[in-house]
Amino acid sequence: MAGTDAAGQRLDKWLWFARLTRTRSLAAKLVASGYVRVNSRRVTTPAKAIAPGDVLTVALHCQVRVLKVASMGTRRGNPAEASHLFDDLAEARELERSS
């Protein structure tokens, strides 16, 4: 399937598949505006290829989400399917603090 090979997937497409934005064009605008970092580097190109293991920092809706890419998406499914595409590192830190 196109866009899901070992080389990775477009960042804007992945953000949309992961249901972080409502549309792919909004995902592209989010990236182009500089609100997304990949492995601590600001990215302004929506076509930037990402792969499993990359860490994304996304400033979205007055909060910052830190996500580790777990897998590439093949379609935009329901929220339960989308949650398998990433590991939320901020949630993991909160769990560690509360233990």
PDB file of N, CA and C in Angstrom:
ATOM      1  N   MET A   1       0.845  -1.185   0.000  1.00  0.00           N
ATOM      2  CA  MET A   1       0.000   0.000   0.000  1.00  0.00           C
ATOM      3  C   MET A   1       0.884   1.239   0.000  1.00  0.00           C
ATOM      4  N   ALA A   2       0.538   2.228  -0.766  1.00  0.00           N
ATOM      5  CA  ALA A   2       1.346   3.438  -0.893  1.00  0.00           C
ATOM      6  C   ALA A   2       1.387   4.194   0.429  1.00  0.00           C
ATOM      7  N   GLY A   3       2.580   4.680   0.767  1.00  0.00           N
ATOM      8  CA  GLY A   3       2.728   5.503   1.958  1.00  0.00           C
ATOM      9  C   GLY A   3       2.912   4.720   3.252  1.00  0.00           C
ATOM     10  N   THR A   4       2.910   3.393   3.188  1.00  0.00           N
ATOM     11  CA  THR A   4       3.064   2.617   4.409  1.00  0.00           C
ATOM     12  C   THR A   4       4.259   1.684   4.355  1.00  0.00           C
ATOM     13  N   ASP A   5       5.202   1.937   3.460  1.00  0.00           N
ATOM     14  CA  ASP A   5       6.371   1.069   3.347  1.00  0.00           C
ATOM     15  C   ASP A   5       7.359   1.359   4.463  1.00  0.00           C
ATOM     16  N   ALA A   6       8.501   0.674   4.418  1.00  0.00           N
ATOM     17  CA  ALA A   6       9.505   0.811   5.471  1.00  0.00           C
ATOM     18  C   ALA A   6      10.081   2.219   5.551  1.00  0.00           C
ATOM     19  N   ALA A   7      10.018   2.985   4.456  1.00  0.00           N
ATOM     20  CA  ALA A   7      10.550   4.345   4.460  1.00  0.00           C
ATOM     21  C   ALA A   7       9.697   5.285   5.301  1.00  0.00           C
ATOM     22  N   GLY A   8       8.470   4.933   5.556  1.00  0.00           N
ATOM     23  CA  GLY A   8       7.619   5.743   6.410  1.00  0.00           C
ATOM     24  C   GLY A   8       6.376   6.232   5.711  1.00  0.00           C
ATOM     25  N   GLN A   9       5.753   7.227   6.324  1.00  0.00           N
ATOM     26  CA  GLN A   9       4.496   7.786   5.848  1.00  0.00           C
ATOM     27  C   GLN A   9       4.542   9.293   6.021  1.00  0.00           C
ATOM     28  N   ARG A  10       3.813   9.994   5.167  1.00  0.00           N
ATOM     29  CA  ARG A  10       3.749  11.451   5.278  1.00  0.00           C
ATOM     30  C   ARG A  10       3.223  11.847   6.654  1.00  0.00           C
ATOM     31  N   LEU A  11       3.833  12.870   7.230  1.00  0.00           N
ATOM     32  CA  LEU A  11       3.454  13.338   8.554  1.00  0.00           C
ATOM     33  C   LEU A  11       2.001  13.790   8.601  1.00  0.00           C
ATOM     34  N   ASP A  12       1.569  14.594   7.625  1.00  0.00           N
ATOM     35  CA  ASP A  12       0.192  15.091   7.656  1.00  0.00           C
ATOM     36  C   ASP A  12      -0.819  13.955   7.555  1.00  0.00           C
ATOM     37  N   LYS A  13      -0.522  12.969   6.760  1.00  0.00           N
ATOM     38  CA  LYS A  13      -1.411  11.824   6.602  1.00  0.00           C
ATOM     39  C   LYS A  13      -1.490  11.027   7.902  1.00  0.00           C
ATOM     40  N   TRP A  14      -0.346  10.822   8.547  1.00  0.00           N
ATOM     41  CA  TRP A  14      -0.326  10.083   9.806  1.00  0.00           C
ATOM     42  C   TRP A  14      -1.108  10.820  10.884  1.00  0.00           C
ATOM     43  N   LEU A  15      -0.934  12.144  10.984  1.00  0.00           N
ATOM     44  CA  LEU A  15      -1.674  12.930  11.980  1.00  0.00           C
ATOM     45  C   LEU A  15      -3.179  12.784  11.785  1.00  0.00           C
ATOM     46  N   TRP A  16      -3.602  12.743  10.530  1.00  0.00           N
ATOM     47  CA  TRP A  16      -5.020  12.581  10.216  1.00  0.00           C
ATOM     48  C   TRP A  16      -5.487  11.172  10.564  1.00  0.00           C
ATOM     49  N   PHE A  17      -4.705  10.152  10.183  1.00  0.00           N
ATOM     50  CA  PHE A  17      -5.055   8.769  10.518  1.00  0.00           C
ATOM     51  C   PHE A  17      -5.143   8.581  12.034  1.00  0.00           C
ATOM     52  N   ALA A  18      -4.263   9.240  12.780  1.00  0.00           N
ATOM     53  CA  ALA A  18      -4.233   9.120  14.239  1.00  0.00           C
ATOM     54  C   ALA A  18      -5.314   9.960  14.907  1.00  0.00           C
ATOM     55  N   ARG A  19      -6.121  10.640  14.110  1.00  0.00           N
ATOM     56  CA  ARG A  19      -7.261  11.440  14.568  1.00  0.00           C
ATOM     57  C   ARG A  19      -6.847  12.606  15.473  1.00  0.00           C
ATOM     58  N   LEU A  20      -5.670  13.176  15.204  1.00  0.00           N
ATOM     59  CA  LEU A  20      -5.257  14.374  15.940  1.00  0.00           C
ATOM     60  C   LEU A  20      -5.852  15.625  15.305  1.00  0.00           C
ATOM     61  N   THR A  21      -6.233  15.531  14.036  1.00  0.00           N
ATOM     62  CA  THR A  21      -6.903  16.629  13.341  1.00  0.00           C
ATOM     63  C   THR A  21      -8.137  16.085  12.638  1.00  0.00           C
ATOM     64  N   ARG A  22      -9.080  16.980  12.343  1.00  0.00           N
ATOM     65  CA  ARG A  22     -10.326  16.548  11.706  1.00  0.00           C
ATOM     66  C   ARG A  22     -10.170  16.285  10.212  1.00  0.00           C
ATOM     67  N   THR A  23      -9.265  17.017   9.567  1.00  0.00           N
ATOM     68  CA  THR A  23      -9.051  16.829   8.136  1.00  0.00           C
ATOM     69  C   THR A  23      -7.556  16.772   7.850  1.00  0.00           C
ATOM     70  N   ARG A  24      -7.217  16.225   6.704  1.00  0.00           N
ATOM     71  CA  ARG A  24      -5.809  16.148   6.327  1.00  0.00           C
ATOM     72  C   ARG A  24      -5.268  17.537   6.021  1.00  0.00           C
ATOM     73  N   SER A  25      -6.098  18.411   5.460  1.00  0.00           N
ATOM     74  CA  SER A  25      -5.622  19.766   5.168  1.00  0.00           C
ATOM     75  C   SER A  25      -5.331  20.523   6.465  1.00  0.00           C
ATOM     76  N   LEU A  26      -6.103  20.290   7.525  1.00  0.00           N
ATOM     77  CA  LEU A  26      -5.796  20.909   8.820  1.00  0.00           C
ATOM     78  C   LEU A  26      -4.493  20.356   9.389  1.00  0.00           C
ATOM     79  N   ALA A  27      -4.240  19.073   9.154  1.00  0.00           N
ATOM     80  CA  ALA A  27      -2.973  18.483   9.594  1.00  0.00           C
ATOM     81  C   ALA A  27      -1.807  19.139   8.862  1.00  0.00           C
ATOM     82  N   ALA A  28      -1.964  19.360   7.558  1.00  0.00           N
ATOM     83  CA  ALA A  28      -0.913  20.009   6.774  1.00  0.00           C
ATOM     84  C   ALA A  28      -0.675  21.435   7.265  1.00  0.00           C
ATOM     85  N   LYS A  29      -1.741  22.169   7.590  1.00  0.00           N
ATOM     86  CA  LYS A  29      -1.601  23.539   8.105  1.00  0.00           C
ATOM     87  C   LYS A  29      -0.922  23.546   9.465  1.00  0.00           C
ATOM     88  N   LEU A  30      -1.242  22.564  10.303  1.00  0.00           N
ATOM     89  CA  LEU A  30      -0.629  22.460  11.627  1.00  0.00           C
ATOM     90  C   LEU A  30       0.882  22.291  11.497  1.00  0.00           C
ATOM     91  N   VAL A  31       1.293  21.431  10.589  1.00  0.00           N
ATOM     92  CA  VAL A  31       2.720  21.190  10.365  1.00  0.00           C
ATOM     93  C   VAL A  31       3.375  22.417   9.752  1.00  0.00           C
ATOM     94  N   ALA A  32       2.749  22.977   8.713  1.00  0.00           N
ATOM     95  CA  ALA A  32       3.328  24.135   8.019  1.00  0.00           C
ATOM     96  C   ALA A  32       3.466  25.344   8.945  1.00  0.00           C
ATOM     97  N   SER A  33       2.604  25.436   9.949  1.00  0.00           N
ATOM     98  CA  SER A  33       2.662  26.556  10.892  1.00  0.00           C
ATOM     99  C   SER A  33       3.729  26.369  11.971  1.00  0.00           C
ATOM    100  N   GLY A  34       4.383  25.219  11.982  1.00  0.00           N
ATOM    101  CA  GLY A  34       5.474  24.997  12.925  1.00  0.00           C
ATOM    102  C   GLY A  34       5.056  24.444  14.272  1.00  0.00           C
ATOM    103  N   TYR A  35       3.863  23.864  14.366  1.00  0.00           N
ATOM    104  CA  TYR A  35       3.374  23.343  15.638  1.00  0.00           C
ATOM    105  C   TYR A  35       3.720  21.875  15.880  1.00  0.00           C
ATOM    106  N   VAL A  36       4.538  21.300  15.006  1.00  0.00           N
ATOM    107  CA  VAL A  36       4.891  19.889  15.150  1.00  0.00           C
ATOM    108  C   VAL A  36       6.411  19.739  15.121  1.00  0.00           C
ATOM    109  N   ARG A  37       6.912  18.913  16.024  1.00  0.00           N
ATOM    110  CA  ARG A  37       8.333  18.563  16.044  1.00  0.00           C
ATOM    111  C   ARG A  37       8.444  17.050  15.886  1.00  0.00           C
ATOM    112  N   VAL A  38       9.451  16.640  15.136  1.00  0.00           N
ATOM    113  CA  VAL A  38       9.744  15.222  14.964  1.00  0.00           C
ATOM    114  C   VAL A  38      11.133  14.990  15.530  1.00  0.00           C
ATOM    115  N   ASN A  39      11.214  14.159  16.549  1.00  0.00           N
ATOM    116  CA  ASN A  39      12.488  13.890  17.223  1.00  0.00           C
ATOM    117  C   ASN A  39      13.178  15.192  17.630  1.00  0.00           C
ATOM    118  N   SER A  40      12.415  16.083  18.247  1.00  0.00           N
ATOM    119  CA  SER A  40      12.874  17.371  18.790  1.00  0.00           C
ATOM    120  C   SER A  40      13.219  18.425  17.744  1.00  0.00           C
ATOM    121  N   ARG A  41      12.988  18.151  16.467  1.00  0.00           N
ATOM    122  CA  ARG A  41      13.275  19.132  15.419  1.00  0.00           C
ATOM    123  C   ARG A  41      11.981  19.645  14.816  1.00  0.00           C
ATOM    124  N   ARG A  42      11.867  20.968  14.758  1.00  0.00           N
ATOM    125  CA  ARG A  42      10.671  21.575  14.172  1.00  0.00           C
ATOM    126  C   ARG A  42      10.574  21.200  12.699  1.00  0.00           C
ATOM    127  N   VAL A  43       9.376  20.823  12.287  1.00  0.00           N
ATOM    128  CA  VAL A  43       9.124  20.436  10.909  1.00  0.00           C
ATOM    129  C   VAL A  43       8.063  21.363  10.341  1.00  0.00           C
ATOM    130  N   THR A  44       8.301  21.873   9.135  1.00  0.00           N
ATOM    131  CA  THR A  44       7.311  22.728   8.485  1.00  0.00           C
ATOM    132  C   THR A  44       6.887  22.172   7.135  1.00  0.00           C
ATOM    133  N   THR A  45       7.304  20.954   6.834  1.00  0.00           N
ATOM    134  CA  THR A  45       6.956  20.301   5.574  1.00  0.00           C
ATOM    135  C   THR A  45       5.993  19.157   5.858  1.00  0.00           C
ATOM    136  N   PRO A  46       4.726  19.279   5.439  1.00  0.00           N
ATOM    137  CA  PRO A  46       3.754  18.215   5.697  1.00  0.00           C
ATOM    138  C   PRO A  46       4.142  16.876   5.083  1.00  0.00           C
ATOM    139  N   ALA A  47       4.971  16.887   4.047  1.00  0.00           N
ATOM    140  CA  ALA A  47       5.370  15.645   3.382  1.00  0.00           C
ATOM    141  C   ALA A  47       6.531  14.942   4.081  1.00  0.00           C
ATOM    142  N   LYS A  48       6.986  15.450   5.222  1.00  0.00           N
ATOM    143  CA  LYS A  48       8.082  14.832   5.973  1.00  0.00           C
ATOM    144  C   LYS A  48       7.721  13.385   6.293  1.00  0.00           C
ATOM    145  N   ALA A  49       8.619  12.461   5.969  1.00  0.00           N
ATOM    146  CA  ALA A  49       8.378  11.040   6.235  1.00  0.00           C
ATOM    147  C   ALA A  49       8.679  10.723   7.688  1.00  0.00           C
ATOM    148  N   ILE A  50       7.765  10.009   8.318  1.00  0.00           N
ATOM    149  CA  ILE A  50       7.985   9.542   9.683  1.00  0.00           C
ATOM    150  C   ILE A  50       7.922   8.019   9.677  1.00  0.00           C
ATOM    151  N   ALA A  51       8.469   7.420  10.704  1.00  0.00           N
ATOM    152  CA  ALA A  51       8.517   5.966  10.795  1.00  0.00           C
ATOM    153  C   ALA A  51       8.261   5.554  12.247  1.00  0.00           C
ATOM    154  N   PRO A  52       7.918   4.295  12.475  1.00  0.00           N
ATOM    155  CA  PRO A  52       7.753   3.828  13.851  1.00  0.00           C
ATOM    156  C   PRO A  52       9.008   4.105  14.678  1.00  0.00           C
ATOM    157  N   GLY A  53       8.791   4.565  15.896  1.00  0.00           N
ATOM    158  CA  GLY A  53       9.892   4.911  16.782  1.00  0.00           C
ATOM    159  C   GLY A  53      10.134   6.405  16.865  1.00  0.00           C
ATOM    160  N   ASP A  54       9.664   7.171  15.878  1.00  0.00           N
ATOM    161  CA  ASP A  54       9.808   8.627  15.924  1.00  0.00           C
ATOM    162  C   ASP A  54       8.955   9.192  17.054  1.00  0.00           C
ATOM    163  N   VAL A  55       9.425  10.267  17.668  1.00  0.00           N
ATOM    164  CA  VAL A  55       8.684  10.939  18.727  1.00  0.00           C
ATOM    165  C   VAL A  55       8.189  12.273  18.188  1.00  0.00           C
ATOM    166  N   LEU A  56       6.878  12.470  18.254  1.00  0.00           N
ATOM    167  CA  LEU A  56       6.263  13.697  17.767  1.00  0.00           C
ATOM    168  C   LEU A  56       5.831  14.547  18.948  1.00  0.00           C
ATOM    169  N   THR A  57       6.112  15.829  18.872  1.00  0.00           N
ATOM    170  CA  THR A  57       5.626  16.783  19.847  1.00  0.00           C
ATOM    171  C   THR A  57       4.677  17.697  19.096  1.00  0.00           C
ATOM    172  N   VAL A  58       3.415  17.700  19.512  1.00  0.00           N
ATOM    173  CA  VAL A  58       2.381  18.428  18.784  1.00  0.00           C
ATOM    174  C   VAL A  58       1.707  19.414  19.720  1.00  0.00           C
ATOM    175  N   ALA A  59       1.753  20.702  19.365  1.00  0.00           N
ATOM    176  CA  ALA A  59       1.040  21.732  20.113  1.00  0.00           C
ATOM    177  C   ALA A  59      -0.349  21.839  19.501  1.00  0.00           C
ATOM    178  N   LEU A  60      -1.342  21.430  20.274  1.00  0.00           N
ATOM    179  CA  LEU A  60      -2.688  21.298  19.738  1.00  0.00           C
ATOM    180  C   LEU A  60      -3.712  21.653  20.804  1.00  0.00           C
ATOM    181  N   HIS A  61      -4.588  22.595  20.517  1.00  0.00           N
ATOM    182  CA  HIS A  61      -5.689  22.968  21.420  1.00  0.00           C
ATOM    183  C   HIS A  61      -5.192  23.333  22.815  1.00  0.00           C
ATOM    184  N   CYS A  62      -4.262  24.240  22.895  1.00  0.00           N
ATOM    185  CA  CYS A  62      -3.747  24.753  24.167  1.00  0.00           C
ATOM    186  C   CYS A  62      -3.078  23.680  25.031  1.00  0.00           C
ATOM    187  N   GLN A  63      -2.630  22.607  24.418  1.00  0.00           N
ATOM    188  CA  GLN A  63      -1.880  21.594  25.143  1.00  0.00           C
ATOM    189  C   GLN A  63      -0.795  21.040  24.241  1.00  0.00           C
ATOM    190  N   VAL A  64       0.181  20.427  24.843  1.00  0.00           N
ATOM    191  CA  VAL A  64       1.265  19.809  24.086  1.00  0.00           C
ATOM    192  C   VAL A  64       1.179  18.311  24.291  1.00  0.00           C
ATOM    193  N   ARG A  65       1.127  17.581  23.186  1.00  0.00           N
ATOM    194  CA  ARG A  65       1.083  16.118  23.238  1.00  0.00           C
ATOM    195  C   ARG A  65       2.405  15.569  22.748  1.00  0.00           C
ATOM    196  N   VAL A  66       2.938  14.601  23.469  1.00  0.00           N
ATOM    197  CA  VAL A  66       4.177  13.934  23.084  1.00  0.00           C
ATOM    198  C   VAL A  66       3.808  12.487  22.771  1.00  0.00           C
ATOM    199  N   LEU A  67       3.991  12.116  21.497  1.00  0.00           N
ATOM    200  CA  LEU A  67       3.547  10.811  21.027  1.00  0.00           C
ATOM    201  C   LEU A  67       4.691  10.060  20.376  1.00  0.00           C
ATOM    202  N   LYS A  68       4.797   8.786  20.663  1.00  0.00           N
ATOM    203  CA  LYS A  68       5.772   7.933  19.997  1.00  0.00           C
ATOM    204  C   LYS A  68       5.015   7.132  18.944  1.00  0.00           C
ATOM    205  N   VAL A  69       5.467   7.218  17.701  1.00  0.00           N
ATOM    206  CA  VAL A  69       4.814   6.524  16.603  1.00  0.00           C
ATOM    207  C   VAL A  69       5.020   5.028  16.788  1.00  0.00           C
ATOM    208  N   ALA A  70       3.913   4.278  16.902  1.00  0.00           N
ATOM    209  CA  ALA A  70       3.979   2.833  17.080  1.00  0.00           C
ATOM    210  C   ALA A  70       3.856   2.105  15.757  1.00  0.00           C
ATOM    211  N   SER A  71       3.029   2.630  14.869  1.00  0.00           N
ATOM    212  CA  SER A  71       2.854   1.997  13.562  1.00  0.00           C
ATOM    213  C   SER A  71       2.303   3.007  12.563  1.00  0.00           C
ATOM    214  N   MET A  72       2.375   2.623  11.304  1.00  0.00           N
ATOM    215  CA  MET A  72       1.852   3.454  10.227  1.00  0.00           C
ATOM    216  C   MET A  72       0.380   3.120  10.028  1.00  0.00           C
ATOM    217  N   GLY A  73      -0.386   4.112   9.626  1.00  0.00           N
ATOM    218  CA  GLY A  73      -1.796   3.889   9.380  1.00  0.00           C
ATOM    219  C   GLY A  73      -2.047   3.463   7.942  1.00  0.00           C
ATOM    220  N   THR A  74      -3.145   2.758   7.749  1.00  0.00           N
ATOM    221  CA  THR A  74      -3.547   2.387   6.401  1.00  0.00           C
ATOM    222  C   THR A  74      -4.856   3.050   6.020  1.00  0.00           C
ATOM    223  N   ARG A  75      -5.587   3.544   7.038  1.00  0.00           N
ATOM    224  CA  ARG A  75      -6.830   4.260   6.796  1.00  0.00           C
ATOM    225  C   ARG A  75      -7.188   5.047   8.044  1.00  0.00           C
ATOM    226  N   ARG A  76      -8.163   5.934   7.905  1.00  0.00           N
ATOM    227  CA  ARG A  76      -8.639   6.688   9.067  1.00  0.00           C
ATOM    228  C   ARG A  76      -9.813   5.930   9.662  1.00  0.00           C
ATOM    229  N   GLY A  77      -9.551   5.204  10.704  1.00  0.00           N
ATOM    230  CA  GLY A  77     -10.585   4.394  11.334  1.00  0.00           C
ATOM    231  C   GLY A  77     -11.190   5.090  12.536  1.00  0.00           C
ATOM    232  N   ASN A  78     -11.807   4.312  13.387  1.00  0.00           N
ATOM    233  CA  ASN A  78     -12.433   4.865  14.588  1.00  0.00           C
ATOM    234  C   ASN A  78     -11.350   5.192  15.629  1.00  0.00           C
ATOM    235  N   PRO A  79     -11.716   5.903  16.691  1.00  0.00           N
ATOM    236  CA  PRO A  79     -10.714   6.294  17.690  1.00  0.00           C
ATOM    237  C   PRO A  79      -9.976   5.114  18.327  1.00  0.00           C
ATOM    238  N   ALA A  80     -10.639   3.988  18.475  1.00  0.00           N
ATOM    239  CA  ALA A  80      -9.966   2.820  19.052  1.00  0.00           C
ATOM    240  C   ALA A  80      -8.841   2.336  18.140  1.00  0.00           C
ATOM    241  N   GLU A  81      -9.085   2.318  16.831  1.00  0.00           N
ATOM    242  CA  GLU A  81      -8.040   1.933  15.877  1.00  0.00           C
ATOM    243  C   GLU A  81      -6.917   2.954  15.869  1.00  0.00           C
ATOM    244  N   ALA A  82      -7.276   4.231  15.931  1.00  0.00           N
ATOM    245  CA  ALA A  82      -6.279   5.297  15.888  1.00  0.00           C
ATOM    246  C   ALA A  82      -5.349   5.245  17.096  1.00  0.00           C
ATOM    247  N   SER A  83      -5.864   4.821  18.239  1.00  0.00           N
ATOM    248  CA  SER A  83      -5.034   4.790  19.447  1.00  0.00           C
ATOM    249  C   SER A  83      -3.913   3.750  19.354  1.00  0.00           C
ATOM    250  N   HIS A  84      -4.002   2.807  18.428  1.00  0.00           N
ATOM    251  CA  HIS A  84      -2.949   1.814  18.251  1.00  0.00           C
ATOM    252  C   HIS A  84      -1.785   2.345  17.415  1.00  0.00           C
ATOM    253  N   LEU A  85      -1.941   3.532  16.837  1.00  0.00           N
ATOM    254  CA  LEU A  85      -0.885   4.099  16.004  1.00  0.00           C
ATOM    255  C   LEU A  85       0.207   4.778  16.820  1.00  0.00           C
ATOM    256  N   PHE A  86      -0.068   5.080  18.090  1.00  0.00           N
ATOM    257  CA  PHE A  86       0.912   5.824  18.887  1.00  0.00           C
ATOM    258  C   PHE A  86       0.835   5.435  20.356  1.00  0.00           C
ATOM    259  N   ASP A  87       1.921   5.760  21.056  1.00  0.00           N
ATOM    260  CA  ASP A  87       1.977   5.654  22.515  1.00  0.00           C
ATOM    261  C   ASP A  87       2.074   7.073  23.038  1.00  0.00           C
ATOM    262  N   ASP A  88       1.178   7.447  23.938  1.00  0.00           N
ATOM    263  CA  ASP A  88       1.182   8.792  24.501  1.00  0.00           C
ATOM    264  C   ASP A  88       2.199   8.835  25.632  1.00  0.00           C
ATOM    265  N   LEU A  89       3.322   9.497  25.397  1.00  0.00           N
ATOM    266  CA  LEU A  89       4.403   9.529  26.384  1.00  0.00           C
ATOM    267  C   LEU A  89       4.060  10.402  27.582  1.00  0.00           C
ATOM    268  N   ALA A  90       3.207  11.403  27.397  1.00  0.00           N
ATOM    269  CA  ALA A  90       2.800  12.243  28.520  1.00  0.00           C
ATOM    270  C   ALA A  90       1.976  11.431  29.517  1.00  0.00           C
ATOM    271  N   GLU A  91       1.098  10.548  29.023  1.00  0.00           N
ATOM    272  CA  GLU A  91       0.325   9.683  29.906  1.00  0.00           C
ATOM    273  C   GLU A  91       1.234   8.740  30.672  1.00  0.00           C
ATOM    274  N   ALA A  92       2.246   8.221  30.007  1.00  0.00           N
ATOM    275  CA  ALA A  92       3.183   7.314  30.662  1.00  0.00           C
ATOM    276  C   ALA A  92       3.911   8.017  31.805  1.00  0.00           C
ATOM    277  N   ARG A  93       4.290   9.275  31.599  1.00  0.00           N
ATOM    278  CA  ARG A  93       4.967  10.031  32.659  1.00  0.00           C
ATOM    279  C   ARG A  93       4.037  10.253  33.847  1.00  0.00           C
ATOM    280  N   GLU A  94       2.768  10.556  33.575  1.00  0.00           N
ATOM    281  CA  GLU A  94       1.810  10.770  34.648  1.00  0.00           C
ATOM    282  C   GLU A  94       1.622   9.500  35.478  1.00  0.00           C
ATOM    283  N   LEU A  95       1.588   8.351  34.817  1.00  0.00           N
ATOM    284  CA  LEU A  95       1.450   7.098  35.526  1.00  0.00           C
ATOM    285  C   LEU A  95       2.665   6.831  36.417  1.00  0.00           C
ATOM    286  N   GLU A  96       3.866   7.174  35.913  1.00  0.00           N
ATOM    287  CA  GLU A  96       5.084   6.986  36.695  1.00  0.00           C
ATOM    288  C   GLU A  96       5.079   7.878  37.923  1.00  0.00           C
ATOM    289  N   ARG A  97       4.607   9.118  37.768  1.00  0.00           N
ATOM    290  CA  ARG A  97       4.584  10.053  38.890  1.00  0.00           C
ATOM    291  C   ARG A  97       3.597   9.609  39.972  1.00  0.00           C
ATOM    292  N   SER A  98       2.470   9.046  39.562  1.00  0.00           N
ATOM    293  CA  SER A  98       1.449   8.656  40.533  1.00  0.00           C
ATOM    294  C   SER A  98       1.777   7.357  41.246  1.00  0.00           C
ATOM    295  N   SER A  99       2.740   6.599  40.730  1.00  0.00           N
ATOM    296  CA  SER A  99       3.110   5.318  41.356  1.00  0.00           C
ATOM    297  C   SER A  99       3.975   5.502  42.571  1.00  0.00           C
TER     298      SER A  99
END
